[in-house]
């Protein structure tokens, strides 16, 4: 059994359920080619060192997997066809480099991103309410 990790960068506009769907599709792809996902870790949204497909940010995801017969070229070719994945890289690792129990990070990160998105919507709504109140107050002063 050989161990590998794949690091891929997902389009930064995808969050929540869409991000989870991309992760599941990569996990299913690995399973289809005989691999078994050992752990998945979402590193989060980060600034890219250079533009990739006109994007300056991306969400980094690291998945470690085991496989008997590596078909890394087929896996990478299939991943390249997904327009939501900006870049990917597969590296060989040793068994002692495997992270245990990182799958919970996927759910936690998705929930954190959803909460952050909801907070920013609430802040925008509050800001608009404040502007409306200021406008109403200014109208009252003008009279």
N, C-alpha and C. Protein backbone atom coordinates (compact mmCIF):
# COMPACT_ATOMS: atom_id res chain seq x y z
N UNK A 1 0.85 -1.18 0.00
CA UNK A 1 0.00 0.00 0.00
C UNK A 1 0.89 1.24 0.00
N UNK A 2 0.59 2.17 -0.88
CA UNK A 2 1.33 3.42 -0.97
C UNK A 2 0.44 4.56 -0.50
N UNK A 3 1.09 5.58 0.04
CA UNK A 3 0.35 6.72 0.58
C UNK A 3 0.71 7.98 -0.18
N UNK A 4 -0.31 8.77 -0.47
CA UNK A 4 -0.15 10.02 -1.21
C UNK A 4 -1.01 11.09 -0.57
N UNK A 5 -0.70 12.32 -0.93
CA UNK A 5 -1.58 13.42 -0.57
C UNK A 5 -1.78 14.28 -1.80
N UNK A 6 -2.99 14.76 -1.92
CA UNK A 6 -3.30 15.66 -3.03
C UNK A 6 -3.72 17.00 -2.43
N UNK A 7 -3.04 18.04 -2.89
CA UNK A 7 -3.37 19.39 -2.49
C UNK A 7 -4.01 20.05 -3.69
N UNK A 8 -5.22 20.54 -3.53
CA UNK A 8 -5.88 21.21 -4.64
C UNK A 8 -6.49 22.52 -4.16
N UNK A 9 -6.57 23.45 -5.11
CA UNK A 9 -7.07 24.79 -4.82
C UNK A 9 -8.40 24.95 -5.53
N UNK A 10 -9.43 25.25 -4.75
CA UNK A 10 -10.78 25.42 -5.27
C UNK A 10 -11.06 26.91 -5.43
N UNK A 11 -11.83 27.24 -6.43
CA UNK A 11 -12.23 28.62 -6.70
C UNK A 11 -12.76 29.25 -5.41
N UNK A 12 -12.30 30.44 -5.09
CA UNK A 12 -12.62 31.07 -3.80
C UNK A 12 -14.09 31.45 -3.65
N UNK A 13 -14.81 31.57 -4.75
CA UNK A 13 -16.23 31.95 -4.67
C UNK A 13 -17.09 30.80 -4.14
N UNK A 14 -16.57 29.59 -4.18
CA UNK A 14 -17.34 28.44 -3.71
C UNK A 14 -17.18 28.29 -2.20
N UNK A 15 -18.31 28.28 -1.51
CA UNK A 15 -18.29 28.10 -0.06
C UNK A 15 -19.44 27.20 0.33
N UNK A 16 -19.42 26.74 1.55
CA UNK A 16 -20.52 25.94 2.09
C UNK A 16 -20.75 24.64 1.34
N UNK A 17 -21.99 24.45 0.89
CA UNK A 17 -22.39 23.21 0.25
C UNK A 17 -21.65 22.95 -1.05
N UNK A 18 -21.35 24.01 -1.81
CA UNK A 18 -20.65 23.82 -3.08
C UNK A 18 -19.23 23.30 -2.84
N UNK A 19 -18.57 23.84 -1.83
CA UNK A 19 -17.23 23.39 -1.49
C UNK A 19 -17.27 21.94 -1.05
N UNK A 20 -18.25 21.60 -0.25
CA UNK A 20 -18.41 20.22 0.22
C UNK A 20 -18.64 19.27 -0.95
N UNK A 21 -19.40 19.71 -1.96
CA UNK A 21 -19.65 18.89 -3.14
C UNK A 21 -18.36 18.63 -3.92
N UNK A 22 -17.50 19.64 -4.04
CA UNK A 22 -16.23 19.49 -4.75
C UNK A 22 -15.36 18.48 -4.00
N UNK A 23 -15.31 18.59 -2.68
CA UNK A 23 -14.51 17.67 -1.88
C UNK A 23 -15.02 16.25 -2.05
N UNK A 24 -16.33 16.06 -2.01
CA UNK A 24 -16.91 14.73 -2.19
C UNK A 24 -16.60 14.18 -3.57
N UNK A 25 -16.64 15.04 -4.60
CA UNK A 25 -16.36 14.56 -5.95
C UNK A 25 -14.91 14.09 -6.08
N UNK A 26 -13.97 14.79 -5.44
CA UNK A 26 -12.57 14.37 -5.47
C UNK A 26 -12.41 13.06 -4.71
N UNK A 27 -13.07 12.95 -3.54
CA UNK A 27 -13.00 11.71 -2.77
C UNK A 27 -13.56 10.53 -3.56
N UNK A 28 -14.68 10.76 -4.27
CA UNK A 28 -15.27 9.70 -5.10
C UNK A 28 -14.35 9.33 -6.25
N UNK A 29 -13.68 10.32 -6.82
CA UNK A 29 -12.73 10.07 -7.90
C UNK A 29 -11.59 9.18 -7.41
N UNK A 30 -11.08 9.49 -6.23
CA UNK A 30 -10.00 8.67 -5.66
C UNK A 30 -10.49 7.25 -5.42
N UNK A 31 -11.71 7.09 -4.90
CA UNK A 31 -12.28 5.77 -4.67
C UNK A 31 -12.48 5.00 -5.96
N UNK A 32 -12.89 5.71 -7.00
CA UNK A 32 -13.11 5.07 -8.30
C UNK A 32 -11.82 4.48 -8.87
N UNK A 33 -10.71 5.11 -8.56
CA UNK A 33 -9.41 4.63 -9.06
C UNK A 33 -8.71 3.72 -8.06
N UNK A 34 -9.44 3.25 -7.05
CA UNK A 34 -8.89 2.28 -6.11
C UNK A 34 -8.26 2.87 -4.87
N UNK A 35 -8.41 4.15 -4.66
CA UNK A 35 -7.82 4.79 -3.48
C UNK A 35 -8.78 4.84 -2.32
N UNK A 36 -8.23 4.96 -1.13
CA UNK A 36 -9.03 5.08 0.08
C UNK A 36 -8.60 6.37 0.79
N UNK A 37 -9.56 7.27 1.00
CA UNK A 37 -9.26 8.55 1.65
C UNK A 37 -8.95 8.30 3.12
N UNK A 38 -7.80 8.76 3.55
CA UNK A 38 -7.39 8.62 4.95
C UNK A 38 -7.78 9.85 5.77
N UNK A 39 -7.61 11.04 5.20
CA UNK A 39 -7.99 12.26 5.90
C UNK A 39 -8.14 13.41 4.91
N UNK A 40 -8.94 14.38 5.29
CA UNK A 40 -9.15 15.58 4.50
C UNK A 40 -9.04 16.78 5.43
N UNK A 41 -8.29 17.77 5.00
CA UNK A 41 -8.06 18.95 5.83
C UNK A 41 -8.26 20.19 4.96
N UNK A 42 -9.19 21.06 5.35
CA UNK A 42 -9.41 22.31 4.63
C UNK A 42 -8.54 23.38 5.28
N UNK A 43 -7.63 23.91 4.51
CA UNK A 43 -6.73 24.95 5.02
C UNK A 43 -7.39 26.32 5.00
N UNK A 44 -8.42 26.47 4.19
CA UNK A 44 -9.14 27.73 4.13
C UNK A 44 -8.75 28.58 2.94
N UNK A 45 -9.36 29.75 2.89
CA UNK A 45 -9.14 30.68 1.78
C UNK A 45 -7.83 31.43 2.00
N UNK A 46 -6.97 31.39 0.99
CA UNK A 46 -5.67 32.04 1.09
C UNK A 46 -5.37 32.80 -0.20
N UNK A 47 -4.52 33.80 -0.08
CA UNK A 47 -4.08 34.57 -1.24
C UNK A 47 -3.08 33.72 -2.03
N UNK A 48 -3.24 33.70 -3.34
CA UNK A 48 -2.34 32.96 -4.21
C UNK A 48 -1.08 33.78 -4.48
N UNK A 49 0.03 33.11 -4.70
CA UNK A 49 1.28 33.80 -4.98
C UNK A 49 1.23 34.50 -6.33
N UNK A 50 0.46 33.96 -7.24
CA UNK A 50 0.28 34.55 -8.56
C UNK A 50 -1.13 34.22 -9.04
N UNK A 51 -1.60 34.96 -10.02
CA UNK A 51 -2.96 34.74 -10.54
C UNK A 51 -3.06 33.38 -11.23
N UNK A 52 -4.14 32.66 -10.92
CA UNK A 52 -4.46 31.42 -11.61
C UNK A 52 -5.86 31.61 -12.15
N UNK A 53 -5.99 31.55 -13.46
CA UNK A 53 -7.27 31.77 -14.12
C UNK A 53 -7.93 33.07 -13.63
N UNK A 54 -7.12 34.13 -13.55
CA UNK A 54 -7.54 35.47 -13.15
C UNK A 54 -8.05 35.53 -11.70
N UNK A 55 -7.70 34.56 -10.88
CA UNK A 55 -8.11 34.54 -9.48
C UNK A 55 -6.89 34.83 -8.60
N UNK A 56 -7.08 35.66 -7.57
CA UNK A 56 -5.98 35.95 -6.65
C UNK A 56 -6.15 35.24 -5.30
N UNK A 57 -7.31 34.60 -5.09
CA UNK A 57 -7.55 33.84 -3.87
C UNK A 57 -8.07 32.45 -4.23
N UNK A 58 -7.86 31.50 -3.33
CA UNK A 58 -8.38 30.15 -3.52
C UNK A 58 -8.48 29.45 -2.18
N UNK A 59 -9.33 28.42 -2.13
CA UNK A 59 -9.48 27.62 -0.91
C UNK A 59 -8.63 26.37 -1.06
N UNK A 60 -7.68 26.19 -0.16
CA UNK A 60 -6.76 25.06 -0.21
C UNK A 60 -7.34 23.86 0.54
N UNK A 61 -7.25 22.68 -0.08
CA UNK A 61 -7.73 21.45 0.53
C UNK A 61 -6.66 20.38 0.37
N UNK A 62 -6.33 19.72 1.47
CA UNK A 62 -5.33 18.66 1.47
C UNK A 62 -6.04 17.34 1.80
N UNK A 63 -5.93 16.38 0.90
CA UNK A 63 -6.52 15.06 1.13
C UNK A 63 -5.42 14.02 1.06
N UNK A 64 -5.33 13.20 2.10
CA UNK A 64 -4.36 12.10 2.12
C UNK A 64 -5.10 10.82 1.81
N UNK A 65 -4.48 9.95 0.99
CA UNK A 65 -5.14 8.72 0.60
C UNK A 65 -4.13 7.61 0.41
N UNK A 66 -4.64 6.39 0.47
CA UNK A 66 -3.81 5.21 0.23
C UNK A 66 -4.33 4.53 -1.03
N UNK A 67 -3.40 3.89 -1.74
CA UNK A 67 -3.76 3.23 -2.99
C UNK A 67 -2.75 2.13 -3.28
N UNK A 68 -3.22 1.02 -3.84
CA UNK A 68 -2.31 -0.07 -4.20
C UNK A 68 -1.59 0.19 -5.51
N UNK A 69 -2.36 0.52 -6.53
CA UNK A 69 -1.79 0.81 -7.85
C UNK A 69 -2.01 2.27 -8.18
N UNK A 70 -1.00 3.10 -8.05
CA UNK A 70 -1.20 4.53 -8.28
C UNK A 70 -1.59 4.82 -9.74
N UNK A 71 -2.62 5.62 -9.88
CA UNK A 71 -3.06 6.09 -11.19
C UNK A 71 -3.11 7.62 -11.12
N UNK A 72 -2.02 8.19 -10.63
CA UNK A 72 -1.99 9.62 -10.35
C UNK A 72 -2.21 10.47 -11.60
N UNK A 73 -1.69 10.04 -12.74
CA UNK A 73 -1.88 10.82 -13.97
C UNK A 73 -3.35 10.88 -14.34
N UNK A 74 -4.06 9.76 -14.22
CA UNK A 74 -5.49 9.75 -14.54
C UNK A 74 -6.27 10.63 -13.56
N UNK A 75 -5.89 10.57 -12.30
CA UNK A 75 -6.57 11.38 -11.28
C UNK A 75 -6.37 12.87 -11.57
N UNK A 76 -5.12 13.26 -11.86
CA UNK A 76 -4.84 14.67 -12.14
C UNK A 76 -5.53 15.15 -13.42
N UNK A 77 -5.57 14.30 -14.44
CA UNK A 77 -6.24 14.67 -15.69
C UNK A 77 -7.73 14.92 -15.45
N UNK A 78 -8.35 14.06 -14.64
CA UNK A 78 -9.77 14.22 -14.35
C UNK A 78 -10.02 15.48 -13.54
N UNK A 79 -9.16 15.74 -12.58
CA UNK A 79 -9.31 16.94 -11.74
C UNK A 79 -9.14 18.21 -12.57
N UNK A 80 -8.22 18.19 -13.55
CA UNK A 80 -8.00 19.35 -14.40
C UNK A 80 -9.24 19.72 -15.21
N UNK A 81 -10.11 18.76 -15.44
CA UNK A 81 -11.32 19.01 -16.22
C UNK A 81 -12.40 19.72 -15.40
N UNK A 82 -12.24 19.75 -14.08
CA UNK A 82 -13.21 20.43 -13.22
C UNK A 82 -12.90 21.93 -13.23
N UNK A 83 -13.82 22.76 -13.72
CA UNK A 83 -13.53 24.20 -13.80
C UNK A 83 -13.45 24.90 -12.44
N UNK A 84 -13.94 24.25 -11.39
CA UNK A 84 -13.92 24.86 -10.06
C UNK A 84 -12.59 24.64 -9.33
N UNK A 85 -11.75 23.74 -9.86
CA UNK A 85 -10.45 23.49 -9.24
C UNK A 85 -9.39 24.21 -10.04
N UNK A 86 -8.70 25.15 -9.39
CA UNK A 86 -7.72 25.99 -10.07
C UNK A 86 -6.39 25.28 -10.31
N UNK A 87 -5.94 24.47 -9.35
CA UNK A 87 -4.66 23.78 -9.47
C UNK A 87 -4.66 22.58 -8.54
N UNK A 88 -3.78 21.61 -8.83
CA UNK A 88 -3.67 20.43 -7.96
C UNK A 88 -2.28 19.84 -8.06
N UNK A 89 -1.91 19.11 -7.01
CA UNK A 89 -0.59 18.49 -6.95
C UNK A 89 -0.69 17.24 -6.09
N UNK A 90 -0.11 16.13 -6.58
CA UNK A 90 -0.08 14.89 -5.81
C UNK A 90 1.36 14.62 -5.39
N UNK A 91 1.56 14.29 -4.12
CA UNK A 91 2.88 13.98 -3.58
C UNK A 91 2.83 12.66 -2.83
N UNK A 92 3.92 11.89 -2.91
CA UNK A 92 4.02 10.65 -2.16
C UNK A 92 4.44 10.98 -0.73
N UNK A 93 3.83 10.30 0.24
CA UNK A 93 4.17 10.50 1.64
C UNK A 93 4.40 9.14 2.30
N UNK A 94 4.97 9.16 3.47
CA UNK A 94 5.17 7.94 4.24
C UNK A 94 3.98 7.74 5.17
N UNK A 95 3.79 6.51 5.62
CA UNK A 95 2.64 6.18 6.46
C UNK A 95 2.64 7.01 7.75
N UNK A 96 3.81 7.28 8.31
CA UNK A 96 3.86 8.03 9.56
C UNK A 96 3.52 9.51 9.38
N UNK A 97 3.40 9.97 8.14
CA UNK A 97 3.02 11.36 7.87
C UNK A 97 1.51 11.56 7.77
N UNK A 98 0.75 10.48 7.85
CA UNK A 98 -0.70 10.56 7.76
C UNK A 98 -1.27 11.28 8.97
N UNK A 99 -2.26 12.14 8.71
CA UNK A 99 -2.98 12.81 9.80
C UNK A 99 -4.18 11.95 10.13
N UNK A 100 -4.45 11.78 11.37
CA UNK A 100 -5.61 10.98 11.79
C UNK A 100 -6.72 11.90 12.28
N UNK A 101 -7.95 11.57 11.90
CA UNK A 101 -9.12 12.29 12.41
C UNK A 101 -9.32 13.68 11.85
N UNK A 102 -8.80 13.98 10.68
CA UNK A 102 -8.95 15.31 10.11
C UNK A 102 -10.25 15.49 9.35
N UNK A 103 -11.01 14.43 9.16
CA UNK A 103 -12.26 14.54 8.40
C UNK A 103 -13.25 15.48 9.08
N UNK A 104 -13.19 15.61 10.41
CA UNK A 104 -14.08 16.52 11.11
C UNK A 104 -13.81 17.97 10.71
N UNK A 105 -12.58 18.24 10.28
CA UNK A 105 -12.23 19.60 9.87
C UNK A 105 -13.04 20.06 8.68
N UNK A 106 -13.44 19.14 7.81
CA UNK A 106 -14.23 19.51 6.64
C UNK A 106 -15.55 20.11 7.09
N UNK A 107 -16.27 19.39 7.95
CA UNK A 107 -17.56 19.88 8.43
C UNK A 107 -17.40 21.19 9.21
N UNK A 108 -16.37 21.26 10.06
CA UNK A 108 -16.15 22.47 10.86
C UNK A 108 -15.85 23.66 9.97
N UNK A 109 -14.99 23.46 8.95
CA UNK A 109 -14.61 24.56 8.07
C UNK A 109 -15.80 25.03 7.24
N UNK A 110 -16.59 24.10 6.73
CA UNK A 110 -17.77 24.47 5.95
C UNK A 110 -18.74 25.26 6.81
N UNK A 111 -18.97 24.82 8.05
CA UNK A 111 -19.87 25.55 8.95
C UNK A 111 -19.31 26.92 9.30
N UNK A 112 -17.98 27.01 9.48
CA UNK A 112 -17.35 28.28 9.79
C UNK A 112 -17.52 29.26 8.63
N UNK A 113 -17.33 28.76 7.40
CA UNK A 113 -17.48 29.63 6.23
C UNK A 113 -18.92 30.09 6.07
N UNK A 114 -19.87 29.20 6.34
CA UNK A 114 -21.28 29.59 6.26
C UNK A 114 -21.60 30.66 7.30
N UNK A 115 -21.07 30.49 8.52
CA UNK A 115 -21.32 31.47 9.58
C UNK A 115 -20.70 32.82 9.23
N UNK A 116 -19.50 32.80 8.65
CA UNK A 116 -18.83 34.03 8.25
C UNK A 116 -19.63 34.75 7.17
N UNK A 117 -20.13 33.99 6.21
CA UNK A 117 -20.94 34.58 5.13
C UNK A 117 -22.23 35.19 5.69
N UNK A 118 -22.83 34.49 6.65
CA UNK A 118 -24.07 34.98 7.26
C UNK A 118 -23.80 36.25 8.07
N UNK A 119 -22.67 36.29 8.79
CA UNK A 119 -22.32 37.47 9.58
C UNK A 119 -22.11 38.68 8.67
N UNK A 120 -21.44 38.46 7.53
CA UNK A 120 -21.20 39.58 6.62
C UNK A 120 -22.52 40.09 6.04
N UNK A 121 -23.48 39.19 5.78
CA UNK A 121 -24.79 39.62 5.30
C UNK A 121 -25.50 40.43 6.38
N UNK A 122 -25.40 39.98 7.65
CA UNK A 122 -26.02 40.71 8.75
C UNK A 122 -25.40 42.10 8.90
N UNK A 123 -24.07 42.19 8.75
CA UNK A 123 -23.39 43.47 8.86
C UNK A 123 -23.83 44.41 7.75
N UNK A 124 -23.98 43.87 6.54
CA UNK A 124 -24.43 44.70 5.42
C UNK A 124 -25.85 45.21 5.68
N UNK A 125 -26.72 44.35 6.20
CA UNK A 125 -28.09 44.75 6.49
C UNK A 125 -28.11 45.83 7.57
N UNK A 126 -27.29 45.66 8.60
CA UNK A 126 -27.21 46.65 9.68
C UNK A 126 -26.70 47.98 9.14
N UNK A 127 -25.71 47.93 8.26
CA UNK A 127 -25.16 49.16 7.68
C UNK A 127 -26.22 49.88 6.85
N UNK A 128 -27.02 49.13 6.10
CA UNK A 128 -28.08 49.74 5.30
C UNK A 128 -29.14 50.36 6.20
N UNK A 129 -29.48 49.69 7.31
CA UNK A 129 -30.47 50.23 8.25
C UNK A 129 -29.96 51.54 8.85
N UNK A 130 -28.66 51.58 9.16
CA UNK A 130 -28.07 52.79 9.72
C UNK A 130 -28.14 53.93 8.73
N UNK A 131 -27.86 53.64 7.46
CA UNK A 131 -27.94 54.67 6.42
C UNK A 131 -29.37 55.19 6.29
N UNK A 132 -30.34 54.28 6.34
CA UNK A 132 -31.75 54.67 6.25
C UNK A 132 -32.13 55.56 7.43
N UNK A 133 -31.68 55.21 8.64
CA UNK A 133 -31.98 55.99 9.83
C UNK A 133 -31.35 57.38 9.74
N UNK A 134 -30.09 57.45 9.24
CA UNK A 134 -29.41 58.73 9.09
C UNK A 134 -30.14 59.60 8.08
N UNK A 135 -30.57 58.98 6.98
CA UNK A 135 -31.29 59.75 5.95
C UNK A 135 -32.60 60.29 6.52
N UNK A 136 -33.30 59.47 7.30
CA UNK A 136 -34.56 59.89 7.91
C UNK A 136 -34.30 61.03 8.90
N UNK A 137 -33.23 60.92 9.68
CA UNK A 137 -32.89 61.96 10.65
C UNK A 137 -32.53 63.26 9.95
N UNK A 138 -31.80 63.19 8.84
CA UNK A 138 -31.43 64.39 8.09
C UNK A 138 -32.66 65.06 7.49
N UNK A 139 -33.61 64.27 7.02
CA UNK A 139 -34.84 64.82 6.47
C UNK A 139 -35.62 65.55 7.55
N UNK A 140 -35.62 64.99 8.75
CA UNK A 140 -36.32 65.61 9.87
C UNK A 140 -35.67 66.93 10.27
N UNK A 141 -34.34 67.02 10.19
CA UNK A 141 -33.62 68.24 10.55
C UNK A 141 -33.85 69.34 9.52
N UNK A 142 -34.01 68.93 8.24
CA UNK A 142 -34.20 69.91 7.17
C UNK A 142 -35.53 70.62 7.30
N UNK A 143 -36.53 70.00 7.89
CA UNK A 143 -37.88 70.58 7.99
C UNK A 143 -37.94 71.61 9.04
